[in-house]
Amino acid sequence: CTAEVGDGSLYVSFRGTDDTIVGWKEDFNMSFRCPVPAQELAAAYLWDVAAQHTGTLLLCGHSKGGNLAVYAAANCRPDVSARLARVFSHDGPGFLEQALQSEAFRQVLPKIEKTLPQSSMIGMLLEHQENYKIVKSSSISIWQHNPFSWEINGDDFSYRSELTGDARYLNATLNQWIRAMSAEERAQLVDTIYGLIDLDNIATFAQLRAEWQTSFPEIFRSFSGLSPQNKAFLLQMLKELASMGIKNFPELFE
């Protein structure tokens, strides 16, 4: 959505992932594909807003919305790019390396302001080149992704100097695991996992949790029904993740 700030500028805001299973699959697709449909739609929405209004543009998003804001900023027409003042990404994941090497991204990089909670997981996924500030959170671990847990100091966030040990450990492990896979292996892994949880009459994770007595056994049956090749592939990927987790364990105590 777009809000008029009151000084003639426009605040263009992109939401994060919804609770649908297919929505999360697109998030995982970002590990091997750029652009995904949501990124293309974000760029199209920015162009539409810029065509209908004049004035300075501010872009913002939380979680996947932060990624969409950055993508839209880096993929707009030169006349729209000249109107961009700031791009705020609040715990938004990064991009594939090739996307960061584009001239369009390098031009918008000075305008990006990224904020992460102290135990950030989502915002540190994939590759990123922008600087970021670390915000204190009243929550713990993955629940710090909720921005309503971020602490405020006056008219700004309350900051700290570095990420927590558990965040450094998880980020190092997950990103090394992702980098070790080829794009084809990432696509196969996403499709395999999605196939396990893509159940009839289950569209959201809320439904998956609420109907766990029937959905979980069905997931186990789906796993048992995988081809020997897919089952071996999935187990090998999980084994490699566990191995990297053990290797990076000292990160917890630094």
C-alpha atoms as a PDB file:
ATOM      1  CA  CYS A   1       0.000   0.000   0.000  1.00  0.00           C
ATOM      2  CA  THR A   2       1.006   3.625  -0.364  1.00  0.00           C
ATOM      3  CA  ALA A   3       0.576   6.418   2.177  1.00  0.00           C
ATOM      4  CA  GLU A   4       0.970  10.160   1.697  1.00  0.00           C
ATOM      5  CA  VAL A   5       3.343  11.293   4.427  1.00  0.00           C
ATOM      6  CA  GLY A   6       2.122  14.901   4.471  1.00  0.00           C
ATOM      7  CA  ASP A   7       5.135  16.712   3.048  1.00  0.00           C
ATOM      8  CA  GLY A   8       4.457  15.685  -0.542  1.00  0.00           C
ATOM      9  CA  SER A   9       6.382  12.407  -0.309  1.00  0.00           C
ATOM     10  CA  LEU A  10       4.928   8.923  -0.654  1.00  0.00           C
ATOM     11  CA  TYR A  11       5.628   5.949   1.603  1.00  0.00           C
ATOM     12  CA  VAL A  12       5.352   2.731  -0.436  1.00  0.00           C
ATOM     13  CA  SER A  13       5.126  -0.292   1.841  1.00  0.00           C
ATOM     14  CA  PHE A  14       5.318  -4.007   0.991  1.00  0.00           C
ATOM     15  CA  ARG A  15       4.006  -6.690   3.333  1.00  0.00           C
ATOM     16  CA  GLY A  16       5.860  -9.867   4.269  1.00  0.00           C
ATOM     17  CA  THR A  17       4.872 -13.472   3.680  1.00  0.00           C
ATOM     18  CA  ASP A  18       1.345 -14.560   4.486  1.00  0.00           C
ATOM     19  CA  ASP A  19       0.477 -17.851   6.192  1.00  0.00           C
ATOM     20  CA  THR A  20      -0.142 -19.807   2.992  1.00  0.00           C
ATOM     21  CA  ILE A  21       2.048 -22.785   2.208  1.00  0.00           C
ATOM     22  CA  VAL A  22       2.416 -21.713  -1.425  1.00  0.00           C
ATOM     23  CA  GLY A  23       3.528 -18.269  -0.213  1.00  0.00           C
ATOM     24  CA  TRP A  24       6.338 -19.842   1.788  1.00  0.00           C
ATOM     25  CA  LYS A  25       7.322 -21.960  -1.202  1.00  0.00           C
ATOM     26  CA  GLU A  26       7.935 -18.776  -3.185  1.00  0.00           C
ATOM     27  CA  ASP A  27      10.177 -17.564  -0.345  1.00  0.00           C
ATOM     28  CA  PHE A  28      12.248 -20.725  -0.633  1.00  0.00           C
ATOM     29  CA  ASN A  29      12.313 -20.329  -4.412  1.00  0.00           C
ATOM     30  CA  MET A  30      14.271 -17.117  -3.818  1.00  0.00           C
ATOM     31  CA  SER A  31      17.247 -19.313  -2.916  1.00  0.00           C
ATOM     32  CA  PHE A  32      17.687 -20.293  -6.572  1.00  0.00           C
ATOM     33  CA  ARG A  33      15.522 -17.929  -8.662  1.00  0.00           C
ATOM     34  CA  CYS A  34      15.471 -14.171  -9.198  1.00  0.00           C
ATOM     35  CA  PRO A  35      13.071 -12.675  -9.886  1.00  0.00           C
ATOM     36  CA  VAL A  36      10.180 -14.564  -8.341  1.00  0.00           C
ATOM     37  CA  PRO A  37       6.627 -13.391  -9.197  1.00  0.00           C
ATOM     38  CA  ALA A  38       6.266 -11.293  -6.026  1.00  0.00           C
ATOM     39  CA  GLN A  39       9.408  -9.318  -6.905  1.00  0.00           C
ATOM     40  CA  GLU A  40       8.119  -8.600 -10.412  1.00  0.00           C
ATOM     41  CA  LEU A  41       4.766  -7.499  -8.980  1.00  0.00           C
ATOM     42  CA  ALA A  42       6.520  -5.225  -6.476  1.00  0.00           C
ATOM     43  CA  ALA A  43       8.432  -3.479  -9.264  1.00  0.00           C
ATOM     44  CA  ALA A  44       5.239  -3.112 -11.310  1.00  0.00           C
ATOM     45  CA  TYR A  45       3.404  -1.629  -8.311  1.00  0.00           C
ATOM     46  CA  LEU A  46       6.149   0.958  -7.762  1.00  0.00           C
ATOM     47  CA  TRP A  47       6.012   1.992 -11.418  1.00  0.00           C
ATOM     48  CA  ASP A  48       2.233   2.369 -11.167  1.00  0.00           C
ATOM     49  CA  VAL A  49       2.455   4.525  -8.027  1.00  0.00           C
ATOM     50  CA  ALA A  50       5.184   6.700  -9.536  1.00  0.00           C
ATOM     51  CA  ALA A  51       3.111   7.257 -12.678  1.00  0.00           C
ATOM     52  CA  GLN A  52       0.085   8.458 -10.701  1.00  0.00           C
ATOM     53  CA  HIS A  53       1.838  10.699  -8.185  1.00  0.00           C
ATOM     54  CA  THR A  54       4.670  13.184  -8.098  1.00  0.00           C
ATOM     55  CA  GLY A  55       7.114  13.796  -5.275  1.00  0.00           C
ATOM     56  CA  THR A  56       9.746  11.915  -3.317  1.00  0.00           C
ATOM     57  CA  LEU A  57       9.377   8.158  -2.849  1.00  0.00           C
ATOM     58  CA  LEU A  58      10.183   6.186   0.316  1.00  0.00           C
ATOM     59  CA  LEU A  59      10.101   2.383   0.111  1.00  0.00           C
ATOM     60  CA  CYS A  60       9.695   0.047   3.049  1.00  0.00           C
ATOM     61  CA  GLY A  61       8.971  -3.567   3.907  1.00  0.00           C
ATOM     62  CA  HIS A  62       9.269  -6.107   6.692  1.00  0.00           C
ATOM     63  CA  SER A  63      10.585  -9.651   6.145  1.00  0.00           C
ATOM     64  CA  LYS A  64       9.935 -10.647   2.529  1.00  0.00           C
ATOM     65  CA  GLY A  65       8.466  -7.159   2.092  1.00  0.00           C
ATOM     66  CA  GLY A  66      11.915  -5.697   2.762  1.00  0.00           C
ATOM     67  CA  ASN A  67      13.351  -7.826  -0.018  1.00  0.00           C
ATOM     68  CA  LEU A  68      10.532  -6.681  -2.328  1.00  0.00           C
ATOM     69  CA  ALA A  69      11.206  -3.019  -1.515  1.00  0.00           C
ATOM     70  CA  VAL A  70      14.892  -3.388  -2.381  1.00  0.00           C
ATOM     71  CA  TYR A  71      14.132  -5.325  -5.567  1.00  0.00           C
ATOM     72  CA  ALA A  72      11.580  -2.738  -6.712  1.00  0.00           C
ATOM     73  CA  ALA A  73      14.053   0.076  -6.034  1.00  0.00           C
ATOM     74  CA  ALA A  74      16.798  -1.657  -8.015  1.00  0.00           C
ATOM     75  CA  ASN A  75      14.526  -2.444 -10.956  1.00  0.00           C
ATOM     76  CA  CYS A  76      12.639   0.784 -11.628  1.00  0.00           C
ATOM     77  CA  ARG A  77      13.037   3.267 -14.464  1.00  0.00           C
ATOM     78  CA  PRO A  78      15.800   5.894 -14.118  1.00  0.00           C
ATOM     79  CA  ASP A  79      13.272   8.711 -13.690  1.00  0.00           C
ATOM     80  CA  VAL A  80      11.631   6.812 -10.806  1.00  0.00           C
ATOM     81  CA  SER A  81      14.982   5.904  -9.272  1.00  0.00           C
ATOM     82  CA  ALA A  82      15.901   9.603  -9.165  1.00  0.00           C
ATOM     83  CA  ARG A  83      12.874  10.207  -6.911  1.00  0.00           C
ATOM     84  CA  LEU A  84      13.840   7.529  -4.378  1.00  0.00           C
ATOM     85  CA  ALA A  85      15.020   8.978  -1.070  1.00  0.00           C
ATOM     86  CA  ARG A  86      15.327   5.900   1.162  1.00  0.00           C
ATOM     87  CA  VAL A  87      14.625   2.164   1.018  1.00  0.00           C
ATOM     88  CA  PHE A  88      13.968   0.567   4.405  1.00  0.00           C
ATOM     89  CA  SER A  89      14.327  -3.214   4.766  1.00  0.00           C
ATOM     90  CA  HIS A  90      13.278  -4.463   8.196  1.00  0.00           C
ATOM     91  CA  ASP A  91      14.759  -7.948   8.667  1.00  0.00           C
ATOM     92  CA  GLY A  92      14.353  -8.659   4.966  1.00  0.00           C
ATOM     93  CA  PRO A  93      16.310 -11.567   3.424  1.00  0.00           C
ATOM     94  CA  GLY A  94      19.036 -10.989   0.864  1.00  0.00           C
ATOM     95  CA  PHE A  95      19.444 -12.000  -2.763  1.00  0.00           C
ATOM     96  CA  LEU A  96      21.337 -14.341  -5.028  1.00  0.00           C
ATOM     97  CA  GLU A  97      24.901 -13.223  -5.666  1.00  0.00           C
ATOM     98  CA  GLN A  98      24.258 -12.400  -9.337  1.00  0.00           C
ATOM     99  CA  ALA A  99      21.466  -9.982  -8.391  1.00  0.00           C
ATOM    100  CA  LEU A 100      23.813  -8.065  -6.118  1.00  0.00           C
ATOM    101  CA  GLN A 101      26.364  -7.671  -8.904  1.00  0.00           C
ATOM    102  CA  SER A 102      23.998  -5.701 -11.136  1.00  0.00           C
ATOM    103  CA  GLU A 103      24.656  -2.033 -11.804  1.00  0.00           C
ATOM    104  CA  ALA A 104      21.082  -1.203 -10.788  1.00  0.00           C
ATOM    105  CA  PHE A 105      21.620  -2.665  -7.318  1.00  0.00           C
ATOM    106  CA  ARG A 106      24.937  -0.855  -6.868  1.00  0.00           C
ATOM    107  CA  GLN A 107      23.265   2.457  -7.705  1.00  0.00           C
ATOM    108  CA  VAL A 108      20.483   2.020  -5.143  1.00  0.00           C
ATOM    109  CA  LEU A 109      22.785   0.581  -2.444  1.00  0.00           C
ATOM    110  CA  PRO A 110      23.558   3.958  -0.746  1.00  0.00           C
ATOM    111  CA  LYS A 111      19.825   4.537  -0.217  1.00  0.00           C
ATOM    112  CA  ILE A 112      19.156   1.207   1.537  1.00  0.00           C
ATOM    113  CA  GLU A 113      18.745   1.226   5.316  1.00  0.00           C
ATOM    114  CA  LYS A 114      18.495  -2.262   6.764  1.00  0.00           C
ATOM    115  CA  THR A 115      17.546  -3.091  10.340  1.00  0.00           C
ATOM    116  CA  LEU A 116      17.834  -6.477  12.023  1.00  0.00           C
ATOM    117  CA  PRO A 117      16.810  -7.699  15.483  1.00  0.00           C
ATOM    118  CA  GLN A 118      19.707  -8.870  17.650  1.00  0.00           C
ATOM    119  CA  SER A 119      18.969 -12.574  16.980  1.00  0.00           C
ATOM    120  CA  SER A 120      18.074 -12.137  13.319  1.00  0.00           C
ATOM    121  CA  MET A 121      17.653 -15.248  11.199  1.00  0.00           C
ATOM    122  CA  ILE A 122      15.426 -14.191   8.288  1.00  0.00           C
ATOM    123  CA  GLY A 123      17.232 -10.949   7.500  1.00  0.00           C
ATOM    124  CA  MET A 124      20.629 -12.665   7.300  1.00  0.00           C
ATOM    125  CA  LEU A 125      19.579 -15.328   4.810  1.00  0.00           C
ATOM    126  CA  LEU A 126      21.195 -15.368   1.348  1.00  0.00           C
ATOM    127  CA  GLU A 127      23.737 -12.766   0.206  1.00  0.00           C
ATOM    128  CA  HIS A 128      23.619  -9.090   1.115  1.00  0.00           C
ATOM    129  CA  GLN A 129      25.956  -6.140   0.646  1.00  0.00           C
ATOM    130  CA  GLU A 130      24.108  -3.340   2.381  1.00  0.00           C
ATOM    131  CA  ASN A 131      25.123  -2.142   5.837  1.00  0.00           C
ATOM    132  CA  TYR A 132      22.665  -2.818   8.637  1.00  0.00           C
ATOM    133  CA  LYS A 133      21.805  -1.667  12.136  1.00  0.00           C
ATOM    134  CA  ILE A 134      20.984  -4.102  14.936  1.00  0.00           C
ATOM    135  CA  VAL A 135      17.869  -3.421  16.999  1.00  0.00           C
ATOM    136  CA  LYS A 136      17.246  -4.576  20.558  1.00  0.00           C
ATOM    137  CA  SER A 137      14.261  -6.889  20.914  1.00  0.00           C
ATOM    138  CA  SER A 138      12.202  -7.858  23.951  1.00  0.00           C
ATOM    139  CA  SER A 139      11.625 -11.339  22.511  1.00  0.00           C
ATOM    140  CA  ILE A 140      13.956 -14.303  21.908  1.00  0.00           C
ATOM    141  CA  SER A 141      15.332 -16.258  18.943  1.00  0.00           C
ATOM    142  CA  ILE A 142      13.114 -16.501  15.839  1.00  0.00           C
ATOM    143  CA  TRP A 143      10.281 -14.634  17.622  1.00  0.00           C
ATOM    144  CA  GLN A 144      12.389 -11.474  17.375  1.00  0.00           C
ATOM    145  CA  HIS A 145      11.359 -11.393  13.715  1.00  0.00           C
ATOM    146  CA  ASN A 146       8.095  -9.844  14.968  1.00  0.00           C
ATOM    147  CA  PRO A 147       8.800  -6.078  14.685  1.00  0.00           C
ATOM    148  CA  PHE A 148       6.396  -5.307  17.534  1.00  0.00           C
ATOM    149  CA  SER A 149       9.058  -6.775  19.848  1.00  0.00           C
ATOM    150  CA  TRP A 150      11.638  -4.203  18.686  1.00  0.00           C
ATOM    151  CA  GLU A 151      12.529  -1.657  21.357  1.00  0.00           C
ATOM    152  CA  ILE A 152      12.133   2.076  20.828  1.00  0.00           C
ATOM    153  CA  ASN A 153      14.303   4.917  22.095  1.00  0.00           C
ATOM    154  CA  GLY A 154      12.530   8.251  21.588  1.00  0.00           C
ATOM    155  CA  ASP A 155      11.688   8.541  17.886  1.00  0.00           C
ATOM    156  CA  ASP A 156      14.117   5.827  16.795  1.00  0.00           C
ATOM    157  CA  PHE A 157      14.914   2.196  17.502  1.00  0.00           C
ATOM    158  CA  SER A 158      17.139   1.180  20.409  1.00  0.00           C
ATOM    159  CA  TYR A 159      20.311  -0.285  18.926  1.00  0.00           C
ATOM    160  CA  ARG A 160      23.068  -2.668  19.992  1.00  0.00           C
ATOM    161  CA  SER A 161      26.517  -3.215  18.520  1.00  0.00           C
ATOM    162  CA  GLU A 162      26.403  -6.832  17.299  1.00  0.00           C
ATOM    163  CA  LEU A 163      24.291  -9.895  16.677  1.00  0.00           C
ATOM    164  CA  THR A 164      23.937 -12.502  19.411  1.00  0.00           C
ATOM    165  CA  GLY A 165      26.006 -15.695  19.371  1.00  0.00           C
ATOM    166  CA  ASP A 166      23.041 -17.891  18.452  1.00  0.00           C
ATOM    167  CA  ALA A 167      22.253 -15.638  15.481  1.00  0.00           C
ATOM    168  CA  ARG A 168      25.852 -15.785  14.217  1.00  0.00           C
ATOM    169  CA  TYR A 169      25.839 -19.562  14.611  1.00  0.00           C
ATOM    170  CA  LEU A 170      22.561 -20.153  12.783  1.00  0.00           C
ATOM    171  CA  ASN A 171      23.348 -17.660  10.028  1.00  0.00           C
ATOM    172  CA  ALA A 172      26.783 -19.164   9.361  1.00  0.00           C
ATOM    173  CA  THR A 173      25.345 -22.685   9.284  1.00  0.00           C
ATOM    174  CA  LEU A 174      22.319 -21.977   7.079  1.00  0.00           C
ATOM    175  CA  ASN A 175      24.156 -19.786   4.570  1.00  0.00           C
ATOM    176  CA  GLN A 176      27.059 -22.240   4.241  1.00  0.00           C
ATOM    177  CA  TRP A 177      24.519 -25.005   3.656  1.00  0.00           C
ATOM    178  CA  ILE A 178      22.762 -22.975   0.951  1.00  0.00           C
ATOM    179  CA  ARG A 179      26.029 -21.968  -0.757  1.00  0.00           C
ATOM    180  CA  ALA A 180      27.202 -25.587  -0.843  1.00  0.00           C
ATOM    181  CA  MET A 181      24.218 -26.566  -3.018  1.00  0.00           C
ATOM    182  CA  SER A 182      23.902 -25.901  -6.719  1.00  0.00           C
ATOM    183  CA  ALA A 183      20.835 -24.036  -8.004  1.00  0.00           C
ATOM    184  CA  GLU A 184      19.475 -27.352  -9.268  1.00  0.00           C
ATOM    185  CA  GLU A 185      19.907 -28.962  -5.845  1.00  0.00           C
ATOM    186  CA  ARG A 186      18.186 -26.040  -4.129  1.00  0.00           C
ATOM    187  CA  ALA A 187      15.248 -26.311  -6.527  1.00  0.00           C
ATOM    188  CA  GLN A 188      15.021 -30.077  -5.963  1.00  0.00           C
ATOM    189  CA  LEU A 189      15.126 -29.627  -2.182  1.00  0.00           C
ATOM    190  CA  VAL A 190      12.356 -26.990  -2.211  1.00  0.00           C
ATOM    191  CA  ASP A 191      10.151 -29.066  -4.519  1.00  0.00           C
ATOM    192  CA  THR A 192      10.697 -32.200  -2.423  1.00  0.00           C
ATOM    193  CA  ILE A 193       9.819 -30.510   0.878  1.00  0.00           C
ATOM    194  CA  TYR A 194       6.844 -28.724  -0.673  1.00  0.00           C
ATOM    195  CA  GLY A 195       5.602 -32.040  -2.007  1.00  0.00           C
ATOM    196  CA  LEU A 196       5.574 -33.423   1.531  1.00  0.00           C
ATOM    197  CA  ILE A 197       3.429 -30.642   3.010  1.00  0.00           C
ATOM    198  CA  ASP A 198       1.207 -29.881  -0.010  1.00  0.00           C
ATOM    199  CA  LEU A 199      -1.776 -31.754   1.385  1.00  0.00           C
ATOM    200  CA  ASP A 200      -5.374 -31.804   0.175  1.00  0.00           C
ATOM    201  CA  ASN A 201      -7.599 -29.242   1.952  1.00  0.00           C
ATOM    202  CA  ILE A 202      -4.588 -27.702   3.764  1.00  0.00           C
ATOM    203  CA  ALA A 203      -3.731 -24.238   2.427  1.00  0.00           C
ATOM    204  CA  THR A 204      -2.071 -22.543   5.432  1.00  0.00           C
ATOM    205  CA  PHE A 205       0.332 -23.407   8.217  1.00  0.00           C
ATOM    206  CA  ALA A 206      -2.399 -22.510  10.709  1.00  0.00           C
ATOM    207  CA  GLN A 207      -4.510 -25.313   9.245  1.00  0.00           C
ATOM    208  CA  LEU A 208      -1.500 -27.630   9.278  1.00  0.00           C
ATOM    209  CA  ARG A 209      -1.013 -27.012  13.016  1.00  0.00           C
ATOM    210  CA  ALA A 210      -4.707 -27.088  13.893  1.00  0.00           C
ATOM    211  CA  GLU A 211      -5.247 -30.399  12.105  1.00  0.00           C
ATOM    212  CA  TRP A 212      -1.916 -31.941  13.132  1.00  0.00           C
ATOM    213  CA  GLN A 213      -3.489 -35.266  14.140  1.00  0.00           C
ATOM    214  CA  THR A 214      -4.309 -35.957  10.500  1.00  0.00           C
ATOM    215  CA  SER A 215      -1.784 -33.759   8.662  1.00  0.00           C
ATOM    216  CA  PHE A 216       1.377 -35.030  10.377  1.00  0.00           C
ATOM    217  CA  PRO A 217       0.690 -38.730   9.670  1.00  0.00           C
ATOM    218  CA  GLU A 218      -0.064 -37.761   6.078  1.00  0.00           C
ATOM    219  CA  ILE A 219       3.301 -35.994   5.820  1.00  0.00           C
ATOM    220  CA  PHE A 220       5.038 -39.128   7.122  1.00  0.00           C
ATOM    221  CA  ARG A 221       3.168 -41.208   4.547  1.00  0.00           C
ATOM    222  CA  SER A 222       4.271 -38.762   1.830  1.00  0.00           C
ATOM    223  CA  PHE A 223       7.886 -39.168   2.948  1.00  0.00           C
ATOM    224  CA  SER A 224       7.564 -42.955   2.862  1.00  0.00           C
ATOM    225  CA  GLY A 225       6.182 -42.661  -0.668  1.00  0.00           C
ATOM    226  CA  LEU A 226       9.148 -40.680  -2.008  1.00  0.00           C
ATOM    227  CA  SER A 227      11.242 -42.334  -4.690  1.00  0.00           C
ATOM    228  CA  PRO A 228      14.486 -43.893  -3.373  1.00  0.00           C
ATOM    229  CA  GLN A 229      16.446 -41.167  -5.170  1.00  0.00           C
ATOM    230  CA  ASN A 230      14.461 -38.276  -3.628  1.00  0.00           C
ATOM    231  CA  LYS A 231      14.508 -39.862  -0.181  1.00  0.00           C
ATOM    232  CA  ALA A 232      18.281 -40.365  -0.334  1.00  0.00           C
ATOM    233  CA  PHE A 233      18.743 -36.787  -1.603  1.00  0.00           C
ATOM    234  CA  LEU A 234      16.651 -35.276   1.199  1.00  0.00           C
ATOM    235  CA  LEU A 235      18.415 -37.285   3.892  1.00  0.00           C
ATOM    236  CA  GLN A 236      21.821 -36.349   2.457  1.00  0.00           C
ATOM    237  CA  MET A 237      20.938 -32.635   2.499  1.00  0.00           C
ATOM    238  CA  LEU A 238      19.804 -32.887   6.134  1.00  0.00           C
ATOM    239  CA  LYS A 239      22.975 -34.798   7.004  1.00  0.00           C
ATOM    240  CA  GLU A 240      25.100 -32.031   5.487  1.00  0.00           C
ATOM    241  CA  LEU A 241      23.145 -29.398   7.447  1.00  0.00           C
ATOM    242  CA  ALA A 242      23.755 -31.307  10.692  1.00  0.00           C
ATOM    243  CA  SER A 243      27.453 -31.637   9.857  1.00  0.00           C
ATOM    244  CA  MET A 244      27.811 -27.900   9.281  1.00  0.00           C
ATOM    245  CA  GLY A 245      25.902 -27.233  12.502  1.00  0.00           C
ATOM    246  CA  ILE A 246      28.429 -29.289  14.457  1.00  0.00           C
ATOM    247  CA  LYS A 247      31.347 -27.601  12.694  1.00  0.00           C
ATOM    248  CA  ASN A 248      30.040 -24.111  13.497  1.00  0.00           C
ATOM    249  CA  PHE A 249      29.066 -24.929  17.084  1.00  0.00           C
ATOM    250  CA  PRO A 250      31.920 -22.826  18.596  1.00  0.00           C
ATOM    251  CA  GLU A 251      30.177 -19.721  17.151  1.00  0.00           C
ATOM    252  CA  LEU A 252      27.722 -20.001  20.056  1.00  0.00           C
ATOM    253  CA  PHE A 253      30.456 -19.242  22.587  1.00  0.00           C
ATOM    254  CA  GLU A 254      32.392 -16.463  20.819  1.00  0.00           C
END
